[in-house]
C-alpha cells in the first residue's frame, strides 16, 4: 500500500505527539520522533542504534541480553493503538510499527464514518425532498393600517416623543463618557522598561496579549531508592531518567538492580528556576490578565492550544512541549553528556567544569507559534540548569534583547522572523554569574496550520524537519 505524502505525515506526527496518549510518556515521544526521522529518510534502524541514539546507551549494549528497546517499542505500539481507536479514529493517516522490525509505516486511510454523519445518498435524498416540498399557502392579506391621528393632541404626542428620544441619547453619551474616564483613571501606568521589552522579538505578542498565559516550571523528576547499608529510603536524581515511564524502562532493562527502587516518585524545583519564574511574572502580569503557574507534569495537551506559554526549566523536561518544539528545532538534549547536540552540524555543546568552580553551560532561548496561533517561549539552560539566571538576564534585559534582535536582523536580511531559537554559552564561577554569549541564531518554521515559514526561514541552511 502506498504511503502518505511527507508533508501530511509531518503535520499528522505533530498532532499525534501532542495527543493525550503520547504526552504522558517522554520515552515514547522520543522513540516515535526518532523512528519517524529514520523512516522518512528511508532507513530501518537496528535495535542497537535505537538503544544508543534514543536511550543514551553505549556501544556495549547487547540486545540479546537487554530488552530495553523491545519494552519501549511495545509500549509505543500500545499507545498508538489507543490513539487510533479513540481520538485518532478520524485521522487520514495511521502510523504503525509492524512486528519483526523497527521501521514505521505511514498508511493513508479513509475517515471512519460516525453515527452523526448520514450516508451521502440519504443526505442527497433529504436535500431533494426539501427542494421538492410544496410551499406553504400564502397567508391572508393583511388589513390596511389605520391612518395616523391628526390634530392638537397628535402634535403634542410627537413633541413628547422627540424629547424622550433626545433625553435617551444624552443619557447614553453621558454614560459612555463616564465609563471611558473611569477606565482611563483605572488603567495603570506602564513601566517604560517593560514597554520596551514588550516590543522585543522574544516577547512581542506575549506581554501585551489578551490571551491567557501559562508559566510552566520544569521540575526535576526523582525516584526512591532503599540504601542497602542503612535501610533508609533516599530520593535519587538521575539526569537520564526524567519520567516514571523512563524509570520503568530502565528497571526492565536492569532487573538485577530493580529491587528497592521506584516505590514513590516526586519532583523538585531548583532555586534559580523559582527566581526566574518570579522575574517573568513581574514582566507579563497586569491587572485583569489570567495567568496560571503549573509544574511540567501538570501541563495538559489542551493547554498548549488555549494559552500563551512560557517554559522555564531543564531541556530534558519539556514534556508535551517537546512534540511541538523538537519537530522544528535543530537542537536536541543529549542525556549521556547533559549537552545540547546540533543535528545539522553534528556538534555537541557539552557543559564544562564543576558547578562549584569555573564552569560553562549551554542554553537555549526559543520562541515559536503554537497550534492555535498562540506564542510559546522556552528558556532552558540545557541539562544542568545552573545557568538559569544568566539565560533569564539575556531574555529580559534591554542589552540582551537588543543583541538578539540585531542577530535576527542579520540572519534574515531585515525581516524579523516570528519563530526562532538562539544558542547561548554561559560562564560562571561557582554561584557567581559572569557572562552570556550568543553563539548562534536560527529562524524556525511557522507552525500555524496552513501557514508558511516565518520570514527569513528560507535562509536557514538545515536538514528538512519532520
Protein backbone atom coordinates (compact mmCIF):
# COMPACT_ATOMS: atom_id res chain seq x y z
CA UNK A 1 0.00 0.00 0.00
CA UNK A 2 1.35 3.47 -0.90
CA UNK A 3 2.48 5.66 1.95
CA UNK A 4 1.12 9.13 2.65
CA UNK A 5 2.59 12.43 1.49
CA UNK A 6 5.62 13.51 3.62
CA UNK A 7 4.13 16.95 4.34
CA UNK A 8 0.90 15.36 5.57
CA UNK A 9 2.92 12.89 7.64
CA UNK A 10 4.80 15.70 9.39
CA UNK A 11 1.58 17.53 10.20
CA UNK A 12 -0.05 14.35 11.50
CA UNK A 13 3.04 13.45 13.54
CA UNK A 14 2.95 16.80 15.32
CA UNK A 15 -0.72 16.24 16.17
CA UNK A 16 -0.01 12.70 17.40
CA UNK A 17 2.92 13.76 19.60
CA UNK A 18 0.73 16.28 21.41
CA UNK A 19 -2.13 13.82 21.96
CA UNK A 20 -3.20 12.66 25.41
CA UNK A 21 -1.81 9.18 24.80
CA UNK A 22 1.68 10.41 23.86
CA UNK A 23 2.16 13.40 26.14
CA UNK A 24 2.19 11.17 29.22
CA UNK A 25 5.43 9.45 28.15
CA UNK A 26 8.60 11.28 27.16
CA UNK A 27 10.22 7.94 26.30
CA UNK A 28 7.51 7.12 23.76
CA UNK A 29 7.68 10.63 22.31
CA UNK A 30 11.45 10.42 21.82
CA UNK A 31 11.21 6.95 20.30
CA UNK A 32 8.41 7.97 17.92
CA UNK A 33 10.28 11.08 16.73
CA UNK A 34 13.44 9.06 16.16
CA UNK A 35 11.71 6.25 14.25
CA UNK A 36 9.79 8.79 12.17
CA UNK A 37 13.01 10.63 11.22
CA UNK A 38 14.63 7.39 10.13
CA UNK A 39 11.55 6.17 8.24
CA UNK A 40 11.14 9.42 6.32
CA UNK A 41 14.76 9.09 5.24
CA UNK A 42 14.03 5.56 4.04
CA UNK A 43 16.10 3.93 6.79
CA UNK A 44 15.38 0.95 9.05
CA UNK A 45 17.20 1.38 12.40
CA UNK A 46 18.73 -1.53 14.25
CA UNK A 47 17.95 -2.28 17.88
CA UNK A 48 21.44 -1.24 18.96
CA UNK A 49 21.12 2.10 17.15
CA UNK A 50 17.86 2.84 18.95
CA UNK A 51 19.40 2.00 22.33
CA UNK A 52 22.31 4.37 21.69
CA UNK A 53 20.54 7.25 19.89
CA UNK A 54 17.29 7.32 21.91
CA UNK A 55 18.13 5.92 25.33
CA UNK A 56 21.76 7.02 25.67
CA UNK A 57 23.31 3.55 25.91
CA UNK A 58 26.89 2.98 24.77
CA UNK A 59 28.34 0.63 22.14
CA UNK A 60 28.49 -2.24 24.65
CA UNK A 61 24.69 -2.59 24.52
CA UNK A 62 23.75 -6.24 23.92
CA UNK A 63 20.23 -6.67 22.55
CA UNK A 64 20.30 -10.40 23.27
CA UNK A 65 20.66 -9.74 26.99
CA UNK A 66 18.76 -6.47 27.45
CA UNK A 67 15.12 -5.90 26.48
CA UNK A 68 15.23 -2.09 26.80
CA UNK A 69 14.28 -1.33 23.18
CA UNK A 70 11.72 -4.12 22.86
CA UNK A 71 9.91 -2.97 26.03
CA UNK A 72 9.85 0.63 24.75
CA UNK A 73 8.56 -0.37 21.30
CA UNK A 74 5.78 -2.50 22.81
CA UNK A 75 4.73 0.46 24.96
CA UNK A 76 4.73 2.72 21.89
CA UNK A 77 2.60 0.22 19.92
CA UNK A 78 0.03 0.20 22.73
CA UNK A 79 -0.11 3.99 22.78
CA UNK A 80 -0.56 4.16 19.01
CA UNK A 81 -3.34 1.57 19.18
CA UNK A 82 -5.09 3.52 21.95
CA UNK A 83 -4.83 6.74 19.94
CA UNK A 84 -6.19 5.35 16.67
CA UNK A 85 -9.02 3.52 18.39
CA UNK A 86 -10.08 6.72 20.15
CA UNK A 87 -9.28 10.32 19.34
CA UNK A 88 -7.40 9.49 16.13
CA UNK A 89 -10.04 7.26 14.52
CA UNK A 90 -10.93 10.05 12.05
CA UNK A 91 -7.31 10.84 11.11
CA UNK A 92 -6.38 10.45 7.45
CA UNK A 93 -3.04 8.76 8.28
CA UNK A 94 -2.19 5.85 10.53
CA UNK A 95 1.34 5.22 11.85
CA UNK A 96 2.19 1.60 12.58
CA UNK A 97 5.24 -0.36 13.75
CA UNK A 98 4.96 -3.77 12.06
CA UNK A 99 6.13 -6.59 14.29
CA UNK A 100 9.54 -8.03 13.49
CA UNK A 101 11.19 -4.68 12.75
CA UNK A 102 11.56 -1.06 13.81
CA UNK A 103 10.62 0.84 10.65
CA UNK A 104 7.44 2.89 10.83
CA UNK A 105 4.80 2.76 8.13
CA UNK A 106 2.61 5.74 7.25
CA UNK A 107 -0.66 4.45 5.79
CA UNK A 108 -3.29 6.82 4.31
CA UNK A 109 -6.84 5.84 5.16
CA UNK A 110 -10.42 6.98 4.83
CA UNK A 111 -12.00 8.51 7.96
CA UNK A 112 -14.29 6.14 9.85
CA UNK A 113 -17.94 7.28 9.40
CA UNK A 114 -19.66 8.27 12.60
CA UNK A 115 -23.25 7.81 13.67
CA UNK A 116 -23.84 11.57 13.36
CA UNK A 117 -22.92 11.74 9.67
CA UNK A 118 -25.69 10.29 7.40
CA UNK A 119 -24.77 8.44 4.18
CA UNK A 120 -24.31 10.60 1.11
CA UNK A 121 -27.38 9.11 -0.63
CA UNK A 122 -29.56 9.86 2.39
CA UNK A 123 -28.33 13.43 2.56
CA UNK A 124 -28.98 13.85 -1.17
CA UNK A 125 -32.48 12.43 -0.84
CA UNK A 126 -33.17 14.71 2.10
CA UNK A 127 -31.98 17.71 0.10
CA UNK A 128 -34.13 16.68 -2.87
CA UNK A 129 -37.16 16.21 -0.67
CA UNK A 130 -36.63 19.61 0.88
CA UNK A 131 -36.33 21.19 -2.56
CA UNK A 132 -39.39 19.42 -3.93
CA UNK A 133 -41.59 20.12 -0.89
CA UNK A 134 -44.63 22.27 -1.71
CA UNK A 135 -44.53 25.80 -0.50
CA UNK A 136 -46.81 26.86 2.33
CA UNK A 137 -50.06 28.52 1.34
CA UNK A 138 -49.94 32.27 1.26
CA UNK A 139 -51.27 34.00 4.35
CA UNK A 140 -54.38 36.14 4.03
CA UNK A 141 -53.78 39.72 3.01
CA UNK A 142 -53.12 41.99 5.97
CA UNK A 143 -55.66 44.63 6.73
CA UNK A 144 -54.61 48.21 5.95
CA UNK A 145 -53.08 50.08 8.90
CA UNK A 146 -55.27 52.75 10.45
CA UNK A 147 -54.47 56.30 9.47
CA UNK A 148 -52.36 58.36 11.90
CA UNK A 149 -54.45 60.66 14.07
CA UNK A 150 -54.26 64.36 13.37
CA UNK A 151 -55.00 67.47 15.38
CA UNK A 152 -53.51 69.23 18.51
CA UNK A 153 -53.33 66.00 20.53
CA UNK A 154 -51.23 64.32 17.85
CA UNK A 155 -48.76 67.25 17.70
CA UNK A 156 -48.30 67.21 21.49
CA UNK A 157 -47.64 63.42 21.36
CA UNK A 158 -45.00 63.82 18.65
CA UNK A 159 -43.24 66.57 20.66
CA UNK A 160 -43.10 64.42 23.81
CA UNK A 161 -41.71 61.52 21.80
CA UNK A 162 -38.93 63.72 20.33
CA UNK A 163 -37.95 64.96 23.83
CA UNK A 164 -37.83 61.37 25.11
CA UNK A 165 -35.52 60.30 22.26
CA UNK A 166 -33.21 63.27 22.84
CA UNK A 167 -33.01 62.56 26.59
CA UNK A 168 -32.17 58.90 25.93
CA UNK A 169 -29.34 59.87 23.54
CA UNK A 170 -27.90 62.37 26.04
CA UNK A 171 -28.03 59.74 28.79
CA UNK A 172 -26.20 57.19 26.61
CA UNK A 173 -23.49 59.72 25.69
CA UNK A 174 -23.03 60.66 29.35
CA UNK A 175 -22.72 57.01 30.38
CA UNK A 176 -20.15 56.37 27.63
CA UNK A 177 -18.01 59.37 28.61
CA UNK A 178 -18.08 58.47 32.29
CA UNK A 179 -17.19 54.85 31.57
CA UNK A 180 -14.23 55.95 29.43
CA UNK A 181 -12.96 58.35 32.13
CA UNK A 182 -13.31 55.65 34.81
CA UNK A 183 -11.38 53.10 32.72
CA UNK A 184 -8.74 55.68 31.88
CA UNK A 185 -8.30 56.50 35.55
CA UNK A 186 -8.11 52.79 36.48
CA UNK A 187 -5.57 52.00 33.74
CA UNK A 188 -2.17 51.61 35.46
CA UNK A 189 0.90 53.44 34.25
CA UNK A 190 3.08 51.22 32.05
CA UNK A 191 6.73 50.96 33.05
CA UNK A 192 8.80 52.28 30.08
CA UNK A 193 11.34 49.47 30.54
CA UNK A 194 8.58 46.85 30.40
CA UNK A 195 7.06 48.55 27.34
CA UNK A 196 10.42 48.35 25.57
CA UNK A 197 10.79 44.65 26.41
CA UNK A 198 7.21 44.01 25.24
CA UNK A 199 8.19 45.27 21.76
CA UNK A 200 11.23 42.97 21.50
CA UNK A 201 11.21 39.96 19.12
CA UNK A 202 11.11 37.49 22.01
CA UNK A 203 8.16 38.99 23.90
CA UNK A 204 6.04 40.86 21.34
CA UNK A 205 2.53 39.43 21.27
CA UNK A 206 3.01 37.82 24.70
CA UNK A 207 3.48 40.64 27.24
CA UNK A 208 0.75 42.72 25.56
CA UNK A 209 -1.55 39.80 24.64
CA UNK A 210 -5.09 39.35 25.93
CA UNK A 211 -4.82 35.57 25.63
CA UNK A 212 -4.49 33.77 29.00
CA UNK A 213 -0.87 32.92 29.84
CA UNK A 214 0.58 29.85 31.48
CA UNK A 215 4.01 29.78 33.12
CA UNK A 216 5.31 26.20 33.08
CA UNK A 217 8.08 25.32 35.54
CA UNK A 218 10.34 22.41 34.58
CA UNK A 219 10.70 20.49 37.80
CA UNK A 220 13.21 17.61 38.08
CA UNK A 221 11.99 14.00 38.35
CA UNK A 222 13.19 11.97 41.36
CA UNK A 223 12.58 8.39 42.45
CA UNK A 224 13.12 6.48 45.68
CA UNK A 225 15.93 4.08 46.47
CA UNK A 226 16.46 1.98 49.59
CA UNK A 227 20.05 2.23 50.81
CA UNK A 228 21.28 -1.38 51.31
CA UNK A 229 23.60 -0.33 54.17
CA UNK A 230 21.32 1.87 56.26
CA UNK A 231 17.91 0.65 55.12
CA UNK A 232 16.79 4.25 54.67
CA UNK A 233 14.72 5.47 51.73
CA UNK A 234 16.54 8.07 49.63
CA UNK A 235 15.45 10.21 46.71
CA UNK A 236 17.64 9.89 43.60
CA UNK A 237 18.01 12.44 40.79
CA UNK A 238 19.30 10.81 37.59
CA UNK A 239 19.61 13.09 34.53
CA UNK A 240 18.97 10.11 32.24
CA UNK A 241 15.61 9.33 33.92
CA UNK A 242 13.06 12.11 33.64
CA UNK A 243 9.70 10.37 34.00
CA UNK A 244 8.06 7.31 35.55
CA UNK A 245 7.89 5.75 32.06
CA UNK A 246 11.66 6.10 31.59
CA UNK A 247 12.20 4.65 35.07
CA UNK A 248 10.10 1.58 34.21
CA UNK A 249 12.10 1.05 31.03
CA UNK A 250 15.38 1.39 32.93
CA UNK A 251 14.32 -1.09 35.61
CA UNK A 252 13.04 -3.55 32.99
CA UNK A 253 16.44 -3.46 31.31
CA UNK A 254 18.29 -3.81 34.64
CA UNK A 255 16.27 -6.28 36.74
CA UNK A 256 19.25 -7.06 38.96
CA UNK A 257 19.16 -3.57 40.46
CA UNK A 258 15.40 -3.02 40.34
CA UNK A 259 14.73 -4.17 43.90
CA UNK A 260 14.23 -1.28 46.31
CA UNK A 261 13.84 1.36 43.58
CA UNK A 262 10.94 3.46 42.43
CA UNK A 263 8.33 2.82 45.12
CA UNK A 264 7.42 6.52 45.03
CA UNK A 265 8.07 9.45 42.71
CA UNK A 266 8.39 13.14 43.37
CA UNK A 267 9.96 16.22 41.82
CA UNK A 268 11.89 19.28 42.88
CA UNK A 269 12.23 22.82 41.57
CA UNK A 270 15.64 24.45 41.80
CA UNK A 271 16.05 27.83 43.45
CA UNK A 272 17.26 29.50 40.24
CA UNK A 273 14.15 28.32 38.40
CA UNK A 274 11.92 29.79 41.13
CA UNK A 275 13.72 33.16 40.93
CA UNK A 276 13.40 33.14 37.15
CA UNK A 277 9.68 32.40 37.45
CA UNK A 278 9.20 35.40 39.75
CA UNK A 279 11.04 37.68 37.28
CA UNK A 280 8.93 36.56 34.33
CA UNK A 281 5.73 37.01 36.36
CA UNK A 282 6.66 40.64 37.06
CA UNK A 283 7.15 41.12 33.32
CA UNK A 284 3.93 39.56 31.98
CA UNK A 285 1.40 40.21 34.77
CA UNK A 286 -1.02 43.11 34.75
CA UNK A 287 -4.45 43.78 36.29
CA UNK A 288 -7.16 41.63 34.75
CA UNK A 289 -4.88 39.19 32.92
CA UNK A 290 -5.40 35.47 33.52
CA UNK A 291 -2.09 33.83 34.47
CA UNK A 292 -1.54 30.29 35.73
CA UNK A 293 1.63 28.66 37.06
CA UNK A 294 1.99 24.90 36.65
CA UNK A 295 4.63 22.26 37.08
CA UNK A 296 5.63 20.43 33.92
CA UNK A 297 3.78 17.23 34.93
CA UNK A 298 0.53 19.21 35.29
CA UNK A 299 0.66 20.57 31.73
CA UNK A 300 -2.16 19.15 29.59
CA UNK A 301 -2.39 18.82 25.80
CA UNK A 302 -5.35 21.24 25.62
CA UNK A 303 -3.32 23.89 27.47
CA UNK A 304 -0.87 24.12 24.55
CA UNK A 305 -3.71 25.39 22.35
CA UNK A 306 -5.53 27.61 24.85
CA UNK A 307 -2.66 29.57 26.45
CA UNK A 308 0.38 31.58 25.55
CA UNK A 309 3.12 29.59 27.29
CA UNK A 310 6.47 30.46 28.87
CA UNK A 311 8.54 27.42 29.87
CA UNK A 312 11.39 27.77 32.39
CA UNK A 313 13.50 24.75 33.29
CA UNK A 314 15.73 21.92 32.05
CA UNK A 315 15.69 20.94 28.38
CA UNK A 316 15.07 17.32 29.37
CA UNK A 317 11.72 18.22 30.99
CA UNK A 318 9.85 19.86 28.12
CA UNK A 319 7.20 17.13 28.24
CA UNK A 320 4.27 17.79 25.84
CA UNK A 321 6.03 20.92 24.53
CA UNK A 322 8.82 18.77 23.07
CA UNK A 323 6.47 17.45 20.39
CA UNK A 324 5.97 21.00 19.05
CA UNK A 325 9.48 22.36 19.57
CA UNK A 326 11.75 19.49 18.54
CA UNK A 327 9.94 18.91 15.25
CA UNK A 328 11.34 22.23 14.02
CA UNK A 329 14.40 22.83 16.23
CA UNK A 330 17.90 21.84 15.17
CA UNK A 331 18.94 21.11 18.77
CA UNK A 332 18.45 18.03 20.93
CA UNK A 333 19.21 17.23 24.55
CA UNK A 334 21.88 14.54 24.93
CA UNK A 335 21.33 12.50 28.08
CA UNK A 336 24.77 10.97 28.42
CA UNK A 337 26.64 14.29 28.48
CA UNK A 338 23.81 16.66 29.56
CA UNK A 339 24.80 18.60 26.45
CA UNK A 340 22.95 20.16 23.51
CA UNK A 341 23.50 18.49 20.14
CA UNK A 342 23.17 20.31 16.81
CA UNK A 343 21.61 17.72 14.48
CA UNK A 344 22.60 19.76 11.40
CA UNK A 345 26.34 20.06 12.10
CA UNK A 346 26.59 17.04 14.41
CA UNK A 347 28.39 19.10 17.06
CA UNK A 348 27.52 18.65 20.74
CA UNK A 349 27.90 21.52 23.21
CA UNK A 350 28.87 19.82 26.47
CA UNK A 351 28.94 21.60 29.87
CA UNK A 352 32.48 22.04 31.14
CA UNK A 353 33.78 22.29 34.72
CA UNK A 354 32.27 21.68 38.14
CA UNK A 355 29.44 23.90 39.31
CA UNK A 356 31.43 24.75 42.48
CA UNK A 357 34.28 26.26 40.40
CA UNK A 358 34.57 27.89 36.98
CA UNK A 359 32.14 26.23 34.59
CA UNK A 360 30.49 26.75 31.22
CA UNK A 361 26.90 25.84 30.40
CA UNK A 362 24.93 25.98 27.16
CA UNK A 363 21.36 27.27 26.99
CA UNK A 364 18.52 27.85 24.52
CA UNK A 365 16.09 30.73 24.19
CA UNK A 366 13.34 29.97 21.68
CA UNK A 367 10.03 31.39 20.55
CA UNK A 368 7.60 29.79 18.12
CA UNK A 369 3.96 29.79 17.10
CA UNK A 370 1.72 27.20 18.73
CA UNK A 371 -1.02 25.10 17.13
CA UNK A 372 -3.75 27.74 17.56
CA UNK A 373 -1.65 30.81 16.72
CA UNK A 374 -0.60 31.22 20.35
CA UNK A 375 3.00 32.07 21.26
CA UNK A 376 5.34 29.73 23.12
CA UNK A 377 8.65 30.85 24.70
CA UNK A 378 11.22 28.36 26.01
CA UNK A 379 14.05 29.46 28.31
CA UNK A 380 16.20 26.46 29.19
CA UNK A 381 19.79 26.30 30.48
CA UNK A 382 20.35 22.86 28.94
CA UNK A 383 20.73 19.85 31.21
CA UNK A 384 22.46 21.03 34.40
CA UNK A 385 20.15 24.04 34.92
CA UNK A 386 22.86 26.04 36.72
CA UNK A 387 22.78 28.81 34.10
CA UNK A 388 19.12 29.69 34.54
CA UNK A 389 19.61 33.23 35.82
CA UNK A 390 22.09 34.13 33.06
CA UNK A 391 19.62 32.81 30.48
CA UNK A 392 16.87 34.92 32.01
CA UNK A 393 19.11 38.01 32.08
CA UNK A 394 19.65 37.73 28.34
CA UNK A 395 15.92 37.28 27.74
CA UNK A 396 14.59 40.10 29.98
CA UNK A 397 17.12 42.94 29.72
CA UNK A 398 17.39 45.64 27.06
CA UNK A 399 21.02 44.73 26.33
CA UNK A 400 20.38 41.03 25.78
CA UNK A 401 17.24 41.59 23.72
CA UNK A 402 18.93 44.23 21.57
CA UNK A 403 21.73 41.79 20.71
CA UNK A 404 19.14 39.12 19.90
CA UNK A 405 17.28 41.50 17.58
CA UNK A 406 20.48 42.53 15.80
CA UNK A 407 21.46 38.90 15.23
CA UNK A 408 17.98 38.08 13.90
CA UNK A 409 18.02 41.04 11.51
CA UNK A 410 21.45 39.99 10.22
CA UNK A 411 20.28 36.40 9.80
CA UNK A 412 17.02 37.18 7.99
CA UNK A 413 18.22 40.12 5.91
CA UNK A 414 15.94 42.67 7.53
CA UNK A 415 12.62 41.00 8.38
CA UNK A 416 12.26 39.65 11.91
CA UNK A 417 11.06 36.02 11.99
CA UNK A 418 8.15 35.26 14.31
CA UNK A 419 9.70 31.91 15.31
CA UNK A 420 13.39 31.46 16.14
CA UNK A 421 15.90 29.97 18.57
CA UNK A 422 19.22 31.17 20.00
CA UNK A 423 22.07 29.07 21.40
CA UNK A 424 23.88 30.65 24.36
CA UNK A 425 27.17 30.00 26.14
CA UNK A 426 27.09 30.81 29.89
CA UNK A 427 30.15 31.26 32.09
CA UNK A 428 30.10 31.27 35.90
CA UNK A 429 32.45 31.00 38.89
CA UNK A 430 30.64 28.88 41.46
CA UNK A 431 27.43 30.71 42.25
CA UNK A 432 28.60 33.94 40.60
CA UNK A 433 27.33 34.53 37.06
CA UNK A 434 29.88 36.16 34.77
CA UNK A 435 28.79 36.38 31.14
CA UNK A 436 26.38 35.10 28.49
CA UNK A 437 27.47 34.88 24.85
CA UNK A 438 25.12 34.34 21.93
CA UNK A 439 26.69 31.63 19.76
CA UNK A 440 24.12 31.24 17.00
CA UNK A 441 20.61 32.26 15.94
CA UNK A 442 18.24 30.40 13.59
CA UNK A 443 14.73 31.00 12.31
CA UNK A 444 12.16 28.28 12.90
CA UNK A 445 9.32 27.31 10.56
CA UNK A 446 6.00 28.99 11.22
CA UNK A 447 3.81 26.35 12.88
CA UNK A 448 0.31 27.72 12.24
CA UNK A 449 -1.84 25.17 10.41
CA UNK A 450 -1.81 26.06 6.74
CA UNK A 451 0.81 28.77 7.29
CA UNK A 452 4.11 29.07 5.54
CA UNK A 453 7.52 29.61 7.00
CA UNK A 454 8.32 32.59 9.14
CA UNK A 455 10.02 35.48 7.33
CA UNK A 456 13.63 34.62 6.85
CA UNK A 457 13.17 30.93 7.50
CA UNK A 458 14.06 30.12 3.92
CA UNK A 459 17.61 31.33 4.61
CA UNK A 460 18.22 28.68 7.24
CA UNK A 461 20.59 26.00 5.95
CA UNK A 462 19.37 22.92 7.68
CA UNK A 463 18.03 19.46 7.06
CA UNK A 464 14.31 19.01 6.34
CA UNK A 465 12.23 18.98 9.51
CA UNK A 466 9.64 16.39 10.46
